[in-house]
C-alpha cells in the first residue's frame, strides 16, 4: 500500500487545512535519530531579495507602476518581463524562482510577495481548497493543492478590482472559494513541500527536519504532521509514524489520508489485526482510491487488451481529469486503437498538465513525432 502525502503547489499533502492547535508535543519528534538538519534549512531566507531582484525592482518595475499604478504595475512587469514557467519539480525560494524563471504556484506566491514588500504593496495569501489534483512518484501518492496571491496598494483610496497573481487564469477560479492564510502558513507550506520533495528523493533524514520545521512554523497546518509520519515510515520507524498519525486523527478521525498511512504503519509492525480494523474504517469512508482505474487499465493494456484499458481509463478520467499520467495513458491506448486524433488530443493534454519541465518536454517531443506521422 502506498503512502499518501499532501503538498501546496507542487505536490501537496493530506490537505492544506488548518486546525487551531497549540505547540506540538515533544513526543512527536525524535531529533537524535536524524543527525544534523540540512544546511539549506538552517540558512533559509524565503523572501530574501537578491541583487538581481533589486535591479528588477529599481530598473524595470517603475515604468509599469507609473503607467498602471503600484499593484497592477508590478503584475504587468512580472507578466511581461519575467515569464515564469510552471515547474513543480522543486519548490523554490523567491530568489531561486527569479533566477531560474520557473516554479510551482507556491514559488510564484513567494516571489510575488518578496517583490511586493519593498514597493509597499499589500499582499493577501490565498488557499483555493477545491483545486486539488493527484500525482504519484517513488511509491507515494501526492495530493496537490493550490495557492495564489492578491495585490493591493495599502494607501489606495479608490476601490479597484483585486490583482490576483496565479498560473491559473483568473476566470477559471472565479467560482472557487478561497481562504486567506497567513505568512507563517506559507512558510510551513514551503517547508512541508521541501519535506515531501526530499522524501521523493529518498532522503528521510532531511525530510524529517523539513517537516519538523513546518510544524514549529505553523502548528495548525495539518499537512505537515502527515509528512512527518511518512518521514518516520521511510526511515524505518513505524511506531513513531503511528504516534503522529493517531495524534492527528484525534482532531480529524475521518481523514482518509491519515488512515491510509496508519494502515501502512501498522502493517510494518506486523499488527495485521489492527491494520484490518483500520482498513474496514477506511473502506466505509473511501469509495474510490486515486489511480485505481488507471492501474487496472495499465494491467489490461499490458495483456494486449487496449479496449478494456480504455474503459478503465475513462472511469479514472471522471475522478482525475487533470492527471498528465492518465492523459498520456489514454493517448497511448488511442494510438493502439487507431485513433490518431484522440491520441494527439490527449498527448497535448498531458503536455499541458505536466507538473515539471522535463515531463513537458518529453510529451512535447512525442506530440511532434505523432504530428509528423500524420503528415506522412
Protein backbone atom coordinates (compact mmCIF):
# COMPACT_ATOMS: atom_id res chain seq x y z
CA UNK A 1 0.00 0.00 0.00
CA UNK A 2 1.39 3.41 -0.97
CA UNK A 3 1.82 6.25 1.48
CA UNK A 4 -0.08 9.48 0.85
CA UNK A 5 1.33 12.99 1.17
CA UNK A 6 -0.17 16.44 0.64
CA UNK A 7 1.67 19.49 -0.68
CA UNK A 8 0.88 23.03 -1.85
CA UNK A 9 1.76 23.86 -5.40
CA UNK A 10 3.98 21.01 -6.34
CA UNK A 11 2.80 18.02 -4.52
CA UNK A 12 0.60 18.88 -1.53
CA UNK A 13 -0.37 16.68 1.38
CA UNK A 14 -3.49 15.46 3.13
CA UNK A 15 -4.80 18.92 2.68
CA UNK A 16 -3.72 22.49 3.09
CA UNK A 17 -6.02 22.55 6.05
CA UNK A 18 -5.59 24.31 9.34
CA UNK A 19 -6.90 23.31 12.75
CA UNK A 20 -6.46 25.52 15.82
CA UNK A 21 -3.70 23.82 17.76
CA UNK A 22 -1.16 24.56 20.44
CA UNK A 23 2.52 23.79 20.04
CA UNK A 24 3.04 20.16 19.02
CA UNK A 25 4.06 17.84 21.88
CA UNK A 26 7.74 16.96 22.07
CA UNK A 27 6.87 13.25 21.99
CA UNK A 28 6.15 13.55 18.26
CA UNK A 29 9.79 14.28 17.47
CA UNK A 30 12.98 12.20 17.52
CA UNK A 31 15.83 14.61 16.76
CA UNK A 32 18.62 12.32 17.93
CA UNK A 33 17.71 9.69 15.32
CA UNK A 34 18.17 12.01 12.35
CA UNK A 35 21.56 13.69 12.57
CA UNK A 36 22.03 17.35 11.69
CA UNK A 37 19.42 19.45 9.88
CA UNK A 38 20.18 20.18 6.20
CA UNK A 39 22.23 23.34 5.61
CA UNK A 40 19.53 24.61 3.25
CA UNK A 41 17.07 24.70 6.14
CA UNK A 42 19.46 26.36 8.56
CA UNK A 43 20.21 29.19 6.09
CA UNK A 44 16.65 29.57 4.76
CA UNK A 45 15.53 33.12 3.94
CA UNK A 46 12.39 32.52 1.94
CA UNK A 47 11.57 36.09 0.90
CA UNK A 48 15.12 37.45 0.56
CA UNK A 49 15.54 39.97 -2.27
CA UNK A 50 18.61 39.12 -4.35
CA UNK A 51 20.70 41.76 -6.18
CA UNK A 52 19.08 40.70 -9.46
CA UNK A 53 15.63 41.14 -7.94
CA UNK A 54 16.67 44.55 -6.60
CA UNK A 55 17.76 45.59 -10.09
CA UNK A 56 14.40 44.46 -11.47
CA UNK A 57 12.55 46.50 -8.83
CA UNK A 58 14.62 49.60 -9.48
CA UNK A 59 15.04 49.46 -13.25
CA UNK A 60 12.06 47.60 -14.72
CA UNK A 61 9.07 47.93 -12.38
CA UNK A 62 8.87 51.76 -12.04
CA UNK A 63 7.87 52.34 -15.67
CA UNK A 64 4.93 49.96 -15.26
CA UNK A 65 3.94 51.47 -11.92
CA UNK A 66 3.85 54.97 -13.42
CA UNK A 67 1.52 53.73 -16.13
CA UNK A 68 -0.68 51.28 -14.21
CA UNK A 69 -0.27 52.06 -10.52
CA UNK A 70 1.64 50.03 -7.92
CA UNK A 71 -0.21 46.70 -7.77
CA UNK A 72 -1.06 46.33 -11.44
CA UNK A 73 2.29 47.79 -12.38
CA UNK A 74 4.13 45.03 -10.52
CA UNK A 75 1.80 42.44 -12.02
CA UNK A 76 2.40 43.69 -15.57
CA UNK A 77 6.16 43.90 -15.02
CA UNK A 78 6.25 40.30 -13.83
CA UNK A 79 3.99 39.10 -16.63
CA UNK A 80 5.84 40.80 -19.46
CA UNK A 81 9.45 40.77 -18.22
CA UNK A 82 9.90 37.63 -16.11
CA UNK A 83 7.86 34.95 -17.93
CA UNK A 84 7.83 32.47 -15.02
CA UNK A 85 7.20 28.90 -16.27
CA UNK A 86 5.23 26.40 -14.23
CA UNK A 87 7.55 23.73 -12.83
CA UNK A 88 6.60 21.66 -9.79
CA UNK A 89 9.81 19.62 -9.64
CA UNK A 90 11.09 21.65 -6.67
CA UNK A 91 9.51 24.34 -4.51
CA UNK A 92 11.83 27.36 -4.71
CA UNK A 93 12.57 30.45 -2.67
CA UNK A 94 11.89 33.90 -4.10
CA UNK A 95 15.48 34.35 -5.28
CA UNK A 96 15.66 30.86 -6.81
CA UNK A 97 12.39 31.32 -8.70
CA UNK A 98 13.53 34.70 -10.01
CA UNK A 99 16.88 33.30 -11.12
CA UNK A 100 15.55 30.13 -12.79
CA UNK A 101 12.33 31.76 -14.05
CA UNK A 102 10.34 28.67 -13.08
CA UNK A 103 8.44 27.35 -10.07
CA UNK A 104 5.16 25.97 -8.80
CA UNK A 105 2.24 28.09 -7.61
CA UNK A 106 3.70 28.40 -4.11
CA UNK A 107 7.04 29.53 -5.54
CA UNK A 108 5.21 32.18 -7.59
CA UNK A 109 3.39 33.38 -4.47
CA UNK A 110 6.66 33.65 -2.53
CA UNK A 111 8.40 35.54 -5.34
CA UNK A 112 5.47 37.94 -5.76
CA UNK A 113 5.37 38.70 -2.04
CA UNK A 114 9.12 39.30 -1.94
CA UNK A 115 8.84 41.80 -4.81
CA UNK A 116 5.72 43.49 -3.42
CA UNK A 117 7.01 44.22 0.08
CA UNK A 118 9.75 46.75 -0.87
CA UNK A 119 7.16 48.58 -3.00
CA UNK A 120 4.78 49.00 -0.05
CA UNK A 121 2.18 46.81 -1.78
CA UNK A 122 -0.10 44.78 0.47
CA UNK A 123 -0.40 41.07 -0.19
CA UNK A 124 -3.05 38.52 0.71
CA UNK A 125 -2.06 34.86 0.61
CA UNK A 126 -4.95 32.69 -0.58
CA UNK A 127 -5.54 28.95 -0.49
CA UNK A 128 -8.01 27.50 -3.03
CA UNK A 129 -9.40 24.38 -1.29
CA UNK A 130 -11.24 22.84 -4.22
CA UNK A 131 -8.37 22.97 -6.71
CA UNK A 132 -6.60 19.70 -5.91
CA UNK A 133 -5.04 17.08 -8.11
CA UNK A 134 -3.19 13.83 -7.51
CA UNK A 135 0.22 12.79 -8.76
CA UNK A 136 2.47 9.94 -7.72
CA UNK A 137 6.18 9.31 -7.53
CA UNK A 138 8.54 6.87 -5.84
CA UNK A 139 5.77 4.86 -4.18
CA UNK A 140 3.99 7.96 -2.83
CA UNK A 141 0.65 9.45 -3.76
CA UNK A 142 0.79 13.23 -3.67
CA UNK A 143 -2.27 15.44 -3.31
CA UNK A 144 -1.52 18.78 -4.90
CA UNK A 145 -3.26 21.86 -3.56
CA UNK A 146 -3.33 25.39 -4.93
CA UNK A 147 -2.40 28.83 -3.62
CA UNK A 148 -2.26 32.28 -5.16
CA UNK A 149 -1.66 35.85 -4.05
CA UNK A 150 -3.64 39.09 -4.24
CA UNK A 151 -2.01 42.51 -4.53
CA UNK A 152 -3.31 45.88 -3.36
CA UNK A 153 -1.82 49.26 -2.51
CA UNK A 154 -2.39 49.93 1.20
CA UNK A 155 -2.78 53.69 0.55
CA UNK A 156 -5.33 53.31 -2.26
CA UNK A 157 -8.46 55.39 -1.77
CA UNK A 158 -10.18 54.23 -4.96
CA UNK A 159 -11.88 50.84 -4.98
CA UNK A 160 -10.36 48.77 -7.78
CA UNK A 161 -10.56 45.11 -8.79
CA UNK A 162 -8.15 42.85 -6.95
CA UNK A 163 -4.97 41.88 -8.78
CA UNK A 164 -4.51 38.12 -8.45
CA UNK A 165 -1.19 36.61 -9.46
CA UNK A 166 -1.62 32.98 -10.46
CA UNK A 167 -0.60 30.43 -13.09
CA UNK A 168 -4.30 29.58 -13.43
CA UNK A 169 -6.33 32.15 -15.42
CA UNK A 170 -8.42 34.28 -13.06
CA UNK A 171 -11.66 33.45 -14.89
CA UNK A 172 -11.09 29.74 -14.18
CA UNK A 173 -11.04 30.46 -10.44
CA UNK A 174 -13.89 32.95 -10.19
CA UNK A 175 -16.36 30.32 -8.98
CA UNK A 176 -13.89 28.87 -6.50
CA UNK A 177 -13.97 29.63 -2.81
CA UNK A 178 -10.70 30.91 -1.38
CA UNK A 179 -9.42 31.08 2.16
CA UNK A 180 -6.92 33.68 3.29
CA UNK A 181 -3.87 32.25 5.03
CA UNK A 182 -1.10 34.00 6.93
CA UNK A 183 2.60 34.18 6.17
CA UNK A 184 3.62 31.63 8.77
CA UNK A 185 1.36 29.12 6.98
CA UNK A 186 3.04 29.99 3.68
CA UNK A 187 6.38 29.28 5.34
CA UNK A 188 5.04 25.97 6.68
CA UNK A 189 3.72 25.06 3.24
CA UNK A 190 7.14 25.69 1.74
CA UNK A 191 8.85 23.56 4.38
CA UNK A 192 6.26 20.81 4.01
CA UNK A 193 6.78 20.77 0.25
CA UNK A 194 10.53 20.51 0.72
CA UNK A 195 9.94 17.61 3.11
CA UNK A 196 7.81 15.82 0.52
CA UNK A 197 10.34 16.52 -2.23
CA UNK A 198 13.23 15.15 -0.18
CA UNK A 199 11.12 12.10 0.68
CA UNK A 200 10.58 11.51 -3.03
CA UNK A 201 14.36 11.72 -3.44
CA UNK A 202 14.80 9.07 -0.74
CA UNK A 203 16.24 11.33 1.96
CA UNK A 204 14.11 10.62 5.03
CA UNK A 205 16.59 12.42 7.30
CA UNK A 206 16.28 15.76 5.54
CA UNK A 207 12.53 15.24 5.17
CA UNK A 208 12.19 14.82 8.94
CA UNK A 209 13.85 18.17 9.62
CA UNK A 210 11.80 19.99 7.00
CA UNK A 211 8.54 18.53 8.35
CA UNK A 212 9.58 19.30 11.93
CA UNK A 213 10.35 22.91 10.98
CA UNK A 214 6.99 23.21 9.21
CA UNK A 215 5.16 22.08 12.35
CA UNK A 216 7.04 24.57 14.51
CA UNK A 217 6.38 27.36 11.98
CA UNK A 218 2.61 26.71 11.98
CA UNK A 219 1.39 24.06 14.44
CA UNK A 220 -2.12 24.39 12.99
CA UNK A 221 -1.05 23.40 9.46
CA UNK A 222 -2.25 19.81 9.43
CA UNK A 223 -0.44 18.52 6.35
CA UNK A 224 2.99 18.76 7.98
CA UNK A 225 2.13 16.15 10.61
CA UNK A 226 1.22 13.65 7.93
CA UNK A 227 4.53 14.31 6.19
CA UNK A 228 6.38 13.86 9.46
CA UNK A 229 4.71 10.47 9.88
CA UNK A 230 5.67 9.42 6.36
CA UNK A 231 9.25 10.51 7.10
CA UNK A 232 9.26 8.11 10.04
CA UNK A 233 7.90 5.34 7.83
CA UNK A 234 10.60 5.84 5.22
CA UNK A 235 13.23 5.96 7.96
CA UNK A 236 12.04 2.62 9.35
CA UNK A 237 10.28 3.91 12.48
CA UNK A 238 6.65 2.74 12.12
CA UNK A 239 5.92 3.13 15.84
CA UNK A 240 6.78 6.83 15.70
CA UNK A 241 4.77 7.16 12.49
CA UNK A 242 1.76 5.58 14.19
CA UNK A 243 2.08 8.01 17.09
CA UNK A 244 1.95 11.00 14.74
CA UNK A 245 -0.95 9.68 12.67
CA UNK A 246 -3.02 8.85 15.76
CA UNK A 247 -2.27 12.28 17.23
CA UNK A 248 -3.72 13.91 14.12
CA UNK A 249 -6.66 11.53 13.89
CA UNK A 250 -7.93 12.77 17.27
CA UNK A 251 -8.91 16.02 15.56
CA UNK A 252 -9.67 14.52 12.13
CA UNK A 253 -10.99 10.96 12.69
CA UNK A 254 -12.30 10.60 9.13
CA UNK A 255 -9.16 11.79 7.33
CA UNK A 256 -8.62 9.07 4.72
CA UNK A 257 -5.04 10.07 4.06
CA UNK A 258 -4.07 9.69 7.71
CA UNK A 259 -5.99 6.42 7.96
CA UNK A 260 -4.31 5.05 4.84
CA UNK A 261 -0.88 5.87 6.19
CA UNK A 262 -1.80 4.44 9.59
CA UNK A 263 -2.55 1.13 7.86
CA UNK A 264 0.97 1.17 6.40
CA UNK A 265 2.47 1.90 9.83
CA UNK A 266 0.54 -0.98 11.42
CA UNK A 267 1.43 -3.38 8.61
CA UNK A 268 5.11 -2.51 9.03
CA UNK A 269 4.81 -3.52 12.68
CA UNK A 270 3.19 -6.83 11.79
CA UNK A 271 -0.05 -5.84 13.51
CA UNK A 272 -2.33 -7.30 10.86
CA UNK A 273 -5.40 -7.38 13.09
CA UNK A 274 -5.17 -3.69 13.96
CA UNK A 275 -4.47 -2.86 10.32
CA UNK A 276 -7.56 -4.81 9.23
CA UNK A 277 -9.75 -2.80 11.58
CA UNK A 278 -8.46 0.48 10.17
CA UNK A 279 -8.94 -0.87 6.64
CA UNK A 280 -12.58 -1.55 7.46
CA UNK A 281 -13.00 2.01 8.70
CA UNK A 282 -11.23 3.31 5.61
CA UNK A 283 -13.42 1.28 3.26
CA UNK A 284 -16.54 2.94 4.69
CA UNK A 285 -15.10 6.39 4.06
CA UNK A 286 -13.24 5.88 0.80
CA UNK A 287 -15.28 4.70 -2.15
CA UNK A 288 -12.51 5.44 -4.63
CA UNK A 289 -8.72 5.28 -4.43
CA UNK A 290 -6.75 7.64 -6.69
CA UNK A 291 -5.30 5.87 -9.74
CA UNK A 292 -7.11 2.55 -9.08
CA UNK A 293 -8.78 2.54 -12.52
CA UNK A 294 -5.63 3.80 -14.22
CA UNK A 295 -3.68 0.87 -12.76
CA UNK A 296 -6.36 -1.60 -13.86
CA UNK A 297 -6.22 -0.06 -17.32
CA UNK A 298 -2.45 -0.41 -17.49
CA UNK A 299 -2.76 -4.06 -16.48
CA UNK A 300 -5.29 -4.62 -19.28
CA UNK A 301 -3.09 -2.81 -21.79
CA UNK A 302 -0.09 -4.94 -20.76
CA UNK A 303 -2.20 -8.01 -21.60
CA UNK A 304 -2.79 -6.58 -25.06
CA UNK A 305 -6.38 -5.51 -24.36
CA UNK A 306 -6.44 -1.82 -25.31
CA UNK A 307 -10.25 -1.75 -25.46
CA UNK A 308 -10.65 -2.78 -21.81
CA UNK A 309 -7.78 -0.49 -20.86
CA UNK A 310 -9.60 2.45 -22.41
CA UNK A 311 -12.76 1.64 -20.45
CA UNK A 312 -10.82 1.80 -17.19
CA UNK A 313 -9.05 4.99 -18.28
CA UNK A 314 -12.40 6.66 -18.97
CA UNK A 315 -13.55 5.72 -15.47
CA UNK A 316 -10.40 7.24 -13.99
CA UNK A 317 -10.87 10.37 -16.08
CA UNK A 318 -14.12 11.11 -14.22
CA UNK A 319 -12.09 11.30 -10.99
CA UNK A 320 -8.74 12.68 -12.20
CA UNK A 321 -9.39 14.95 -15.19
CA UNK A 322 -6.14 16.85 -14.62
CA UNK A 323 -3.70 13.92 -14.44
CA UNK A 324 -0.93 14.10 -17.04
CA UNK A 325 -0.11 10.43 -16.42
CA UNK A 326 -3.71 9.45 -17.19
CA UNK A 327 -3.95 11.53 -20.37
CA UNK A 328 -0.68 10.03 -21.59
CA UNK A 329 -2.02 6.51 -20.98
CA UNK A 330 -5.18 7.39 -22.94
CA UNK A 331 -3.04 8.77 -25.76
CA UNK A 332 -1.05 5.53 -25.96
CA UNK A 333 -4.20 3.38 -25.97
CA UNK A 334 -5.85 5.66 -28.53
CA UNK A 335 -2.89 5.27 -30.87
CA UNK A 336 -3.01 1.49 -30.42
CA UNK A 337 -6.70 1.54 -31.37
CA UNK A 338 -6.01 3.64 -34.46
CA UNK A 339 -7.49 6.86 -33.09
CA UNK A 340 -4.64 9.19 -34.02
CA UNK A 341 -6.73 12.31 -33.46
CA UNK A 342 -7.62 11.18 -29.94
CA UNK A 343 -4.01 10.27 -29.26
CA UNK A 344 -2.90 13.73 -30.31
CA UNK A 345 -5.59 15.41 -28.19
CA UNK A 346 -4.69 13.55 -25.00
CA UNK A 347 -0.96 13.83 -25.58
CA UNK A 348 -1.45 17.59 -25.84
CA UNK A 349 -3.42 17.49 -22.57
CA UNK A 350 -0.63 15.52 -20.91
CA UNK A 351 1.87 18.12 -22.02
CA UNK A 352 -0.25 20.99 -20.70
CA UNK A 353 -0.92 19.26 -17.37
CA UNK A 354 2.61 18.00 -16.71
CA UNK A 355 3.93 19.25 -13.39
CA UNK A 356 7.56 19.74 -14.38
CA UNK A 357 9.52 20.98 -17.37
CA UNK A 358 11.21 17.65 -18.12
CA UNK A 359 7.88 15.82 -18.48
CA UNK A 360 6.51 18.68 -20.55
CA UNK A 361 9.45 18.43 -22.93
CA UNK A 362 9.03 14.64 -23.11
CA UNK A 363 5.35 14.89 -24.03
CA UNK A 364 6.03 17.73 -26.46
CA UNK A 365 8.58 15.56 -28.28
CA UNK A 366 6.14 12.66 -28.55
CA UNK A 367 3.45 15.04 -29.80
CA UNK A 368 5.73 16.34 -32.54
CA UNK A 369 6.52 12.78 -33.65
CA UNK A 370 2.81 11.99 -33.77
CA UNK A 371 2.11 15.08 -35.86
CA UNK A 372 4.95 14.16 -38.20
CA UNK A 373 3.50 10.67 -38.68
CA UNK A 374 0.10 12.19 -39.54
CA UNK A 375 1.66 14.43 -42.17
CA UNK A 376 3.06 11.36 -43.90
